[in-house]
Each structure stands twice: as C-alpha cells, then as structure tokens.
Amino acid sequence: MSSRKEIDVSPPTPRDDLTANRLLEVREVAVFLAISEKAVRRRIERGQLPGVVRLGPRTIRLRLADLLAWTGQGRAPSPRRTRR
C-alpha cells in the first residue's frame, strides 16, 4: 500500500488568496508538470521555470500562481518523447 498523499494543484480562486500565494515543493511541481523531480531541478538551475523562491541553501519552492500563469501561456513542457 502506498503512503503517498494527494497533492492539490487546483487553480486559485479570486477569493482564496492563500491558494494564490501557495508555494509548491519540487515534488509537487513534478506532479503538476508531469515531469521528474530531477527535470524540475534542472529547469530551476537553467532559469526555465517561473516563481522560484529560495528559502535556504537547499530549500526551493515555486509559486503556484506563477506556474499556472506560465502553463496558461502554452509554455508547459511538451509530453515525453519515446526513445527510438
């Protein structure tokens, strides 16, 4: 049995400022974008993801509102390609 918890990445509503300002962990961003945690970290290092907040030397979060705006612009990652 898996002990994984559900991750809520539903879009924020105007009356829910807490959701709009929510910070996601790297693993939550990976689920949201359907890519690996390693790929998220690489994109952060390359400056390819918006809303990066460094809380400490090894603690990174990303703003949900910025990610939602970014994906709404059609800048989300393309689906994984299969190797030939």
PDB file of N, CA and C in Angstrom:
ATOM      1  N   MET A   1       0.829  -1.165   0.000  1.00  0.00           N
ATOM      2  CA  MET A   1       0.000   0.000   0.000  1.00  0.00           C
ATOM      3  C   MET A   1       0.883   1.241   0.000  1.00  0.00           C
ATOM      4  N   SER A   2       0.528   2.231  -0.817  1.00  0.00           N
ATOM      5  CA  SER A   2       1.324   3.434  -0.951  1.00  0.00           C
ATOM      6  C   SER A   2       0.968   4.456   0.121  1.00  0.00           C
ATOM      7  N   SER A   3       1.973   5.143   0.620  1.00  0.00           N
ATOM      8  CA  SER A   3       1.727   6.168   1.630  1.00  0.00           C
ATOM      9  C   SER A   3       1.795   7.563   1.017  1.00  0.00           C
ATOM     10  N   ARG A   4       1.650   7.663  -0.300  1.00  0.00           N
ATOM     11  CA  ARG A   4       1.711   8.953  -0.978  1.00  0.00           C
ATOM     12  C   ARG A   4       0.449   9.752  -0.674  1.00  0.00           C
ATOM     13  N   LYS A   5       0.624  11.017  -0.400  1.00  0.00           N
ATOM     14  CA  LYS A   5      -0.544  11.847  -0.134  1.00  0.00           C
ATOM     15  C   LYS A   5      -0.963  12.554  -1.415  1.00  0.00           C
ATOM     16  N   GLU A   6      -2.244  12.871  -1.491  1.00  0.00           N
ATOM     17  CA  GLU A   6      -2.776  13.574  -2.640  1.00  0.00           C
ATOM     18  C   GLU A   6      -2.224  14.998  -2.662  1.00  0.00           C
ATOM     19  N   ILE A   7      -1.919  15.503  -3.839  1.00  0.00           N
ATOM     20  CA  ILE A   7      -1.404  16.848  -3.989  1.00  0.00           C
ATOM     21  C   ILE A   7      -2.464  17.683  -4.691  1.00  0.00           C
ATOM     22  N   ASP A   8      -2.889  18.756  -4.054  1.00  0.00           N
ATOM     23  CA  ASP A   8      -3.908  19.628  -4.616  1.00  0.00           C
ATOM     24  C   ASP A   8      -3.237  20.750  -5.384  1.00  0.00           C
ATOM     25  N   VAL A   9      -3.357  20.729  -6.711  1.00  0.00           N
ATOM     26  CA  VAL A   9      -2.806  21.790  -7.540  1.00  0.00           C
ATOM     27  C   VAL A   9      -3.922  22.452  -8.345  1.00  0.00           C
ATOM     28  N   SER A  10      -5.095  22.524  -7.748  1.00  0.00           N
ATOM     29  CA  SER A  10      -6.220  23.166  -8.419  1.00  0.00           C
ATOM     30  C   SER A  10      -5.963  24.667  -8.525  1.00  0.00           C
ATOM     31  N   PRO A  11      -6.495  25.303  -9.581  1.00  0.00           N
ATOM     32  CA  PRO A  11      -6.242  26.729  -9.774  1.00  0.00           C
ATOM     33  C   PRO A  11      -6.834  27.574  -8.645  1.00  0.00           C
ATOM     34  N   PRO A  12      -6.167  28.668  -8.329  1.00  0.00           N
ATOM     35  CA  PRO A  12      -6.675  29.515  -7.256  1.00  0.00           C
ATOM     36  C   PRO A  12      -7.934  30.265  -7.679  1.00  0.00           C
ATOM     37  N   THR A  13      -8.783  30.550  -6.733  1.00  0.00           N
ATOM     38  CA  THR A  13      -9.962  31.366  -6.977  1.00  0.00           C
ATOM     39  C   THR A  13      -9.678  32.769  -6.475  1.00  0.00           C
ATOM     40  N   PRO A  14     -10.359  33.794  -7.010  1.00  0.00           N
ATOM     41  CA  PRO A  14     -10.064  35.165  -6.583  1.00  0.00           C
ATOM     42  C   PRO A  14     -10.234  35.385  -5.089  1.00  0.00           C
ATOM     43  N   ARG A  15     -11.159  34.677  -4.454  1.00  0.00           N
ATOM     44  CA  ARG A  15     -11.380  34.899  -3.026  1.00  0.00           C
ATOM     45  C   ARG A  15     -10.471  34.060  -2.152  1.00  0.00           C
ATOM     46  N   ASP A  16      -9.584  33.297  -2.747  1.00  0.00           N
ATOM     47  CA  ASP A  16      -8.709  32.426  -1.960  1.00  0.00           C
ATOM     48  C   ASP A  16      -7.266  32.866  -2.130  1.00  0.00           C
ATOM     49  N   ASP A  17      -6.884  33.935  -1.426  1.00  0.00           N
ATOM     50  CA  ASP A  17      -5.526  34.464  -1.531  1.00  0.00           C
ATOM     51  C   ASP A  17      -4.477  33.480  -1.050  1.00  0.00           C
ATOM     52  N   LEU A  18      -4.823  32.629  -0.092  1.00  0.00           N
ATOM     53  CA  LEU A  18      -3.861  31.653   0.407  1.00  0.00           C
ATOM     54  C   LEU A  18      -3.461  30.675  -0.680  1.00  0.00           C
ATOM     55  N   THR A  19      -4.412  30.247  -1.494  1.00  0.00           N
ATOM     56  CA  THR A  19      -4.099  29.332  -2.593  1.00  0.00           C
ATOM     57  C   THR A  19      -3.263  30.041  -3.644  1.00  0.00           C
ATOM     58  N   ALA A  20      -3.613  31.281  -3.959  1.00  0.00           N
ATOM     59  CA  ALA A  20      -2.883  32.037  -4.973  1.00  0.00           C
ATOM     60  C   ALA A  20      -1.424  32.236  -4.575  1.00  0.00           C
ATOM     61  N   ASN A  21      -1.183  32.358  -3.290  1.00  0.00           N
ATOM     62  CA  ASN A  21       0.178  32.578  -2.806  1.00  0.00           C
ATOM     63  C   ASN A  21       0.860  31.285  -2.363  1.00  0.00           C
ATOM     64  N   ARG A  22       0.260  30.160  -2.656  1.00  0.00           N
ATOM     65  CA  ARG A  22       0.792  28.870  -2.205  1.00  0.00           C
ATOM     66  C   ARG A  22       2.144  28.572  -2.842  1.00  0.00           C
ATOM     67  N   LEU A  23       3.038  28.035  -2.029  1.00  0.00           N
ATOM     68  CA  LEU A  23       4.347  27.619  -2.517  1.00  0.00           C
ATOM     69  C   LEU A  23       4.360  26.101  -2.623  1.00  0.00           C
ATOM     70  N   LEU A  24       4.809  25.592  -3.771  1.00  0.00           N
ATOM     71  CA  LEU A  24       4.865  24.153  -4.002  1.00  0.00           C
ATOM     72  C   LEU A  24       6.280  23.634  -3.827  1.00  0.00           C
ATOM     73  N   GLU A  25       6.381  22.424  -3.310  1.00  0.00           N
ATOM     74  CA  GLU A  25       7.676  21.750  -3.223  1.00  0.00           C
ATOM     75  C   GLU A  25       8.037  21.213  -4.608  1.00  0.00           C
ATOM     76  N   VAL A  26       9.297  20.869  -4.788  1.00  0.00           N
ATOM     77  CA  VAL A  26       9.767  20.353  -6.077  1.00  0.00           C
ATOM     78  C   VAL A  26       8.964  19.124  -6.500  1.00  0.00           C
ATOM     79  N   ARG A  27       8.670  18.235  -5.552  1.00  0.00           N
ATOM     80  CA  ARG A  27       7.929  17.022  -5.921  1.00  0.00           C
ATOM     81  C   ARG A  27       6.512  17.352  -6.375  1.00  0.00           C
ATOM     82  N   GLU A  28       5.901  18.385  -5.775  1.00  0.00           N
ATOM     83  CA  GLU A  28       4.560  18.797  -6.189  1.00  0.00           C
ATOM     84  C   GLU A  28       4.576  19.403  -7.589  1.00  0.00           C
ATOM     85  N   VAL A  29       5.623  20.165  -7.882  1.00  0.00           N
ATOM     86  CA  VAL A  29       5.767  20.754  -9.218  1.00  0.00           C
ATOM     87  C   VAL A  29       5.963  19.649 -10.253  1.00  0.00           C
ATOM     88  N   ALA A  30       6.730  18.623  -9.892  1.00  0.00           N
ATOM     89  CA  ALA A  30       6.944  17.495 -10.796  1.00  0.00           C
ATOM     90  C   ALA A  30       5.622  16.817 -11.140  1.00  0.00           C
ATOM     91  N   VAL A  31       4.772  16.615 -10.157  1.00  0.00           N
ATOM     92  CA  VAL A  31       3.458  16.015 -10.407  1.00  0.00           C
ATOM     93  C   VAL A  31       2.621  16.947 -11.272  1.00  0.00           C
ATOM     94  N   PHE A  32       2.608  18.226 -10.948  1.00  0.00           N
ATOM     95  CA  PHE A  32       1.824  19.222 -11.675  1.00  0.00           C
ATOM     96  C   PHE A  32       2.219  19.286 -13.148  1.00  0.00           C
ATOM     97  N   LEU A  33       3.528  19.237 -13.428  1.00  0.00           N
ATOM     98  CA  LEU A  33       4.023  19.347 -14.808  1.00  0.00           C
ATOM     99  C   LEU A  33       4.201  17.995 -15.496  1.00  0.00           C
ATOM    100  N   ALA A  34       3.989  16.915 -14.759  1.00  0.00           N
ATOM    101  CA  ALA A  34       4.146  15.554 -15.288  1.00  0.00           C
ATOM    102  C   ALA A  34       5.565  15.314 -15.800  1.00  0.00           C
ATOM    103  N   ILE A  35       6.542  15.766 -15.013  1.00  0.00           N
ATOM    104  CA  ILE A  35       7.951  15.512 -15.307  1.00  0.00           C
ATOM    105  C   ILE A  35       8.607  15.027 -14.017  1.00  0.00           C
ATOM    106  N   SER A  36       9.842  14.577 -14.106  1.00  0.00           N
ATOM    107  CA  SER A  36      10.529  14.053 -12.926  1.00  0.00           C
ATOM    108  C   SER A  36      11.024  15.197 -12.035  1.00  0.00           C
ATOM    109  N   GLU A  37      11.279  14.866 -10.773  1.00  0.00           N
ATOM    110  CA  GLU A  37      11.841  15.854  -9.852  1.00  0.00           C
ATOM    111  C   GLU A  37      13.200  16.343 -10.350  1.00  0.00           C
ATOM    112  N   LYS A  38      13.970  15.442 -10.917  1.00  0.00           N
ATOM    113  CA  LYS A  38      15.282  15.808 -11.451  1.00  0.00           C
ATOM    114  C   LYS A  38      15.141  16.828 -12.581  1.00  0.00           C
ATOM    115  N   ALA A  39      14.129  16.630 -13.432  1.00  0.00           N
ATOM    116  CA  ALA A  39      13.884  17.571 -14.530  1.00  0.00           C
ATOM    117  C   ALA A  39      13.460  18.936 -13.994  1.00  0.00           C
ATOM    118  N   VAL A  40      12.675  18.948 -12.935  1.00  0.00           N
ATOM    119  CA  VAL A  40      12.267  20.218 -12.315  1.00  0.00           C
ATOM    120  C   VAL A  40      13.511  20.938 -11.796  1.00  0.00           C
ATOM    121  N   ARG A  41      14.377  20.214 -11.085  1.00  0.00           N
ATOM    122  CA  ARG A  41      15.592  20.836 -10.544  1.00  0.00           C
ATOM    123  C   ARG A  41      16.500  21.375 -11.657  1.00  0.00           C
ATOM    124  N   ARG A  42      16.604  20.626 -12.754  1.00  0.00           N
ATOM    125  CA  ARG A  42      17.411  21.094 -13.888  1.00  0.00           C
ATOM    126  C   ARG A  42      16.834  22.389 -14.460  1.00  0.00           C
ATOM    127  N   ARG A  43      15.514  22.429 -14.619  1.00  0.00           N
ATOM    128  CA  ARG A  43      14.866  23.624 -15.172  1.00  0.00           C
ATOM    129  C   ARG A  43      15.019  24.813 -14.235  1.00  0.00           C
ATOM    130  N   ILE A  44      15.014  24.578 -12.937  1.00  0.00           N
ATOM    131  CA  ILE A  44      15.242  25.655 -11.974  1.00  0.00           C
ATOM    132  C   ILE A  44      16.660  26.191 -12.140  1.00  0.00           C
ATOM    133  N   GLU A  45      17.644  25.297 -12.213  1.00  0.00           N
ATOM    134  CA  GLU A  45      19.045  25.703 -12.377  1.00  0.00           C
ATOM    135  C   GLU A  45      19.251  26.499 -13.655  1.00  0.00           C
ATOM    136  N   ARG A  46      18.530  26.153 -14.722  1.00  0.00           N
ATOM    137  CA  ARG A  46      18.652  26.827 -16.021  1.00  0.00           C
ATOM    138  C   ARG A  46      17.795  28.084 -16.126  1.00  0.00           C
ATOM    139  N   GLY A  47      17.002  28.362 -15.096  1.00  0.00           N
ATOM    140  CA  GLY A  47      16.134  29.532 -15.130  1.00  0.00           C
ATOM    141  C   GLY A  47      14.935  29.368 -16.044  1.00  0.00           C
ATOM    142  N   GLN A  48      14.487  28.129 -16.250  1.00  0.00           N
ATOM    143  CA  GLN A  48      13.404  27.839 -17.181  1.00  0.00           C
ATOM    144  C   GLN A  48      12.031  27.731 -16.516  1.00  0.00           C
ATOM    145  N   LEU A  49      11.960  27.903 -15.206  1.00  0.00           N
ATOM    146  CA  LEU A  49      10.678  27.854 -14.506  1.00  0.00           C
ATOM    147  C   LEU A  49      10.457  29.166 -13.760  1.00  0.00           C
ATOM    148  N   PRO A  50       9.213  29.658 -13.757  1.00  0.00           N
ATOM    149  CA  PRO A  50       8.916  30.911 -13.060  1.00  0.00           C
ATOM    150  C   PRO A  50       8.584  30.682 -11.587  1.00  0.00           C
ATOM    151  N   GLY A  51       8.655  31.746 -10.823  1.00  0.00           N
ATOM    152  CA  GLY A  51       8.185  31.707  -9.446  1.00  0.00           C
ATOM    153  C   GLY A  51       9.068  30.961  -8.473  1.00  0.00           C
ATOM    154  N   VAL A  52      10.352  30.856  -8.768  1.00  0.00           N
ATOM    155  CA  VAL A  52      11.272  30.135  -7.879  1.00  0.00           C
ATOM    156  C   VAL A  52      11.561  30.982  -6.643  1.00  0.00           C
ATOM    157  N   VAL A  53      11.401  30.371  -5.480  1.00  0.00           N
ATOM    158  CA  VAL A  53      11.678  31.038  -4.205  1.00  0.00           C
ATOM    159  C   VAL A  53      12.668  30.173  -3.439  1.00  0.00           C
ATOM    160  N   ARG A  54      13.812  30.744  -3.127  1.00  0.00           N
ATOM    161  CA  ARG A  54      14.819  30.017  -2.346  1.00  0.00           C
ATOM    162  C   ARG A  54      14.647  30.389  -0.884  1.00  0.00           C
ATOM    163  N   LEU A  55      14.281  29.407  -0.081  1.00  0.00           N
ATOM    164  CA  LEU A  55      14.062  29.635   1.342  1.00  0.00           C
ATOM    165  C   LEU A  55      15.309  29.368   2.172  1.00  0.00           C
ATOM    166  N   GLY A  56      16.295  28.762   1.561  1.00  0.00           N
ATOM    167  CA  GLY A  56      17.548  28.441   2.227  1.00  0.00           C
ATOM    168  C   GLY A  56      18.497  27.872   1.198  1.00  0.00           C
ATOM    169  N   PRO A  57      19.677  27.466   1.618  1.00  0.00           N
ATOM    170  CA  PRO A  57      20.656  26.952   0.658  1.00  0.00           C
ATOM    171  C   PRO A  57      20.203  25.681  -0.066  1.00  0.00           C
ATOM    172  N   ARG A  58      19.332  24.890   0.584  1.00  0.00           N
ATOM    173  CA  ARG A  58      18.885  23.645  -0.046  1.00  0.00           C
ATOM    174  C   ARG A  58      17.361  23.531  -0.116  1.00  0.00           C
ATOM    175  N   THR A  59      16.660  24.623   0.156  1.00  0.00           N
ATOM    176  CA  THR A  59      15.204  24.588   0.174  1.00  0.00           C
ATOM    177  C   THR A  59      14.652  25.495  -0.913  1.00  0.00           C
ATOM    178  N   ILE A  60      13.956  24.886  -1.876  1.00  0.00           N
ATOM    179  CA  ILE A  60      13.405  25.618  -3.013  1.00  0.00           C
ATOM    180  C   ILE A  60      11.902  25.374  -3.064  1.00  0.00           C
ATOM    181  N   ARG A  61      11.147  26.426  -3.334  1.00  0.00           N
ATOM    182  CA  ARG A  61       9.712  26.326  -3.559  1.00  0.00           C
ATOM    183  C   ARG A  61       9.382  27.114  -4.817  1.00  0.00           C
ATOM    184  N   LEU A  62       8.225  26.822  -5.407  1.00  0.00           N
ATOM    185  CA  LEU A  62       7.766  27.558  -6.570  1.00  0.00           C
ATOM    186  C   LEU A  62       6.345  28.047  -6.328  1.00  0.00           C
ATOM    187  N   ARG A  63       6.059  29.274  -6.752  1.00  0.00           N
ATOM    188  CA  ARG A  63       4.738  29.860  -6.566  1.00  0.00           C
ATOM    189  C   ARG A  63       3.735  29.223  -7.530  1.00  0.00           C
ATOM    190  N   LEU A  64       2.644  28.704  -6.974  1.00  0.00           N
ATOM    191  CA  LEU A  64       1.603  28.073  -7.769  1.00  0.00           C
ATOM    192  C   LEU A  64       1.006  29.055  -8.771  1.00  0.00           C
ATOM    193  N   ALA A  65       0.730  30.273  -8.355  1.00  0.00           N
ATOM    194  CA  ALA A  65       0.121  31.266  -9.243  1.00  0.00           C
ATOM    195  C   ALA A  65       1.004  31.519 -10.467  1.00  0.00           C
ATOM    196  N   ASP A  66       2.327  31.589 -10.272  1.00  0.00           N
ATOM    197  CA  ASP A  66       3.243  31.807 -11.388  1.00  0.00           C
ATOM    198  C   ASP A  66       3.264  30.611 -12.333  1.00  0.00           C
ATOM    199  N   LEU A  67       3.233  29.413 -11.774  1.00  0.00           N
ATOM    200  CA  LEU A  67       3.207  28.210 -12.614  1.00  0.00           C
ATOM    201  C   LEU A  67       1.912  28.122 -13.414  1.00  0.00           C
ATOM    202  N   LEU A  68       0.789  28.468 -12.791  1.00  0.00           N
ATOM    203  CA  LEU A  68      -0.491  28.433 -13.501  1.00  0.00           C
ATOM    204  C   LEU A  68      -0.510  29.443 -14.645  1.00  0.00           C
ATOM    205  N   ALA A  69       0.012  30.631 -14.414  1.00  0.00           N
ATOM    206  CA  ALA A  69       0.081  31.641 -15.474  1.00  0.00           C
ATOM    207  C   ALA A  69       1.008  31.180 -16.589  1.00  0.00           C
ATOM    208  N   TRP A  70       2.122  30.583 -16.222  1.00  0.00           N
ATOM    209  CA  TRP A  70       3.107  30.115 -17.197  1.00  0.00           C
ATOM    210  C   TRP A  70       2.543  28.992 -18.062  1.00  0.00           C
ATOM    211  N   THR A  71       1.863  28.035 -17.443  1.00  0.00           N
ATOM    212  CA  THR A  71       1.282  26.934 -18.220  1.00  0.00           C
ATOM    213  C   THR A  71       0.119  27.432 -19.065  1.00  0.00           C
ATOM    214  N   GLY A  72      -0.569  28.476 -18.613  1.00  0.00           N
ATOM    215  CA  GLY A  72      -1.662  29.055 -19.385  1.00  0.00           C
ATOM    216  C   GLY A  72      -1.189  29.753 -20.641  1.00  0.00           C
ATOM    217  N   GLN A  73       0.079  30.104 -20.698  1.00  0.00           N
ATOM    218  CA  GLN A  73       0.669  30.746 -21.865  1.00  0.00           C
ATOM    219  C   GLN A  73       1.169  29.725 -22.878  1.00  0.00           C
ATOM    220  N   GLY A  74       0.931  28.459 -22.621  1.00  0.00           N
ATOM    221  CA  GLY A  74       1.400  27.424 -23.536  1.00  0.00           C
ATOM    222  C   GLY A  74       2.879  27.139 -23.408  1.00  0.00           C
ATOM    223  N   ARG A  75       3.458  27.452 -22.257  1.00  0.00           N
ATOM    224  CA  ARG A  75       4.899  27.253 -22.071  1.00  0.00           C
ATOM    225  C   ARG A  75       5.211  26.049 -21.206  1.00  0.00           C
ATOM    226  N   ALA A  76       4.211  25.215 -21.005  1.00  0.00           N
ATOM    227  CA  ALA A  76       4.427  23.998 -20.219  1.00  0.00           C
ATOM    228  C   ALA A  76       5.290  23.034 -21.024  1.00  0.00           C
ATOM    229  N   PRO A  77       5.951  22.107 -20.365  1.00  0.00           N
ATOM    230  CA  PRO A  77       6.803  21.162 -21.078  1.00  0.00           C
ATOM    231  C   PRO A  77       5.997  20.269 -22.008  1.00  0.00           C
ATOM    232  N   SER A  78       6.633  19.908 -23.100  1.00  0.00           N
ATOM    233  CA  SER A  78       5.962  19.007 -24.046  1.00  0.00           C
ATOM    234  C   SER A  78       5.940  17.601 -23.469  1.00  0.00           C
ATOM    235  N   PRO A  79       5.029  16.744 -23.963  1.00  0.00           N
ATOM    236  CA  PRO A  79       4.980  15.368 -23.462  1.00  0.00           C
ATOM    237  C   PRO A  79       6.311  14.663 -23.706  1.00  0.00           C
ATOM    238  N   ARG A  80       6.562  13.689 -22.888  1.00  0.00           N
ATOM    239  CA  ARG A  80       7.821  12.923 -23.023  1.00  0.00           C
ATOM    240  C   ARG A  80       7.862  12.207 -24.354  1.00  0.00           C
ATOM    241  N   ARG A  81       9.016  12.233 -24.936  1.00  0.00           N
ATOM    242  CA  ARG A  81       9.208  11.520 -26.204  1.00  0.00           C
ATOM    243  C   ARG A  81       9.675  10.094 -25.919  1.00  0.00           C
ATOM    244  N   THR A  82       9.276   9.191 -26.761  1.00  0.00           N
ATOM    245  CA  THR A  82       9.757   7.822 -26.604  1.00  0.00           C
ATOM    246  C   THR A  82      11.054   7.668 -27.377  1.00  0.00           C
ATOM    247  N   ARG A  83      11.951   6.891 -26.835  1.00  0.00           N
ATOM    248  CA  ARG A  83      13.235   6.657 -27.500  1.00  0.00           C
ATOM    249  C   ARG A  83      13.061   5.684 -28.633  1.00  0.00           C
ATOM    250  N   ARG A  84      13.758   5.932 -29.698  1.00  0.00           N
ATOM    251  CA  ARG A  84      13.713   5.043 -30.855  1.00  0.00           C
ATOM    252  C   ARG A  84      14.907   4.153 -30.907  1.00  0.00           C
TER     253      ARG A  84
END
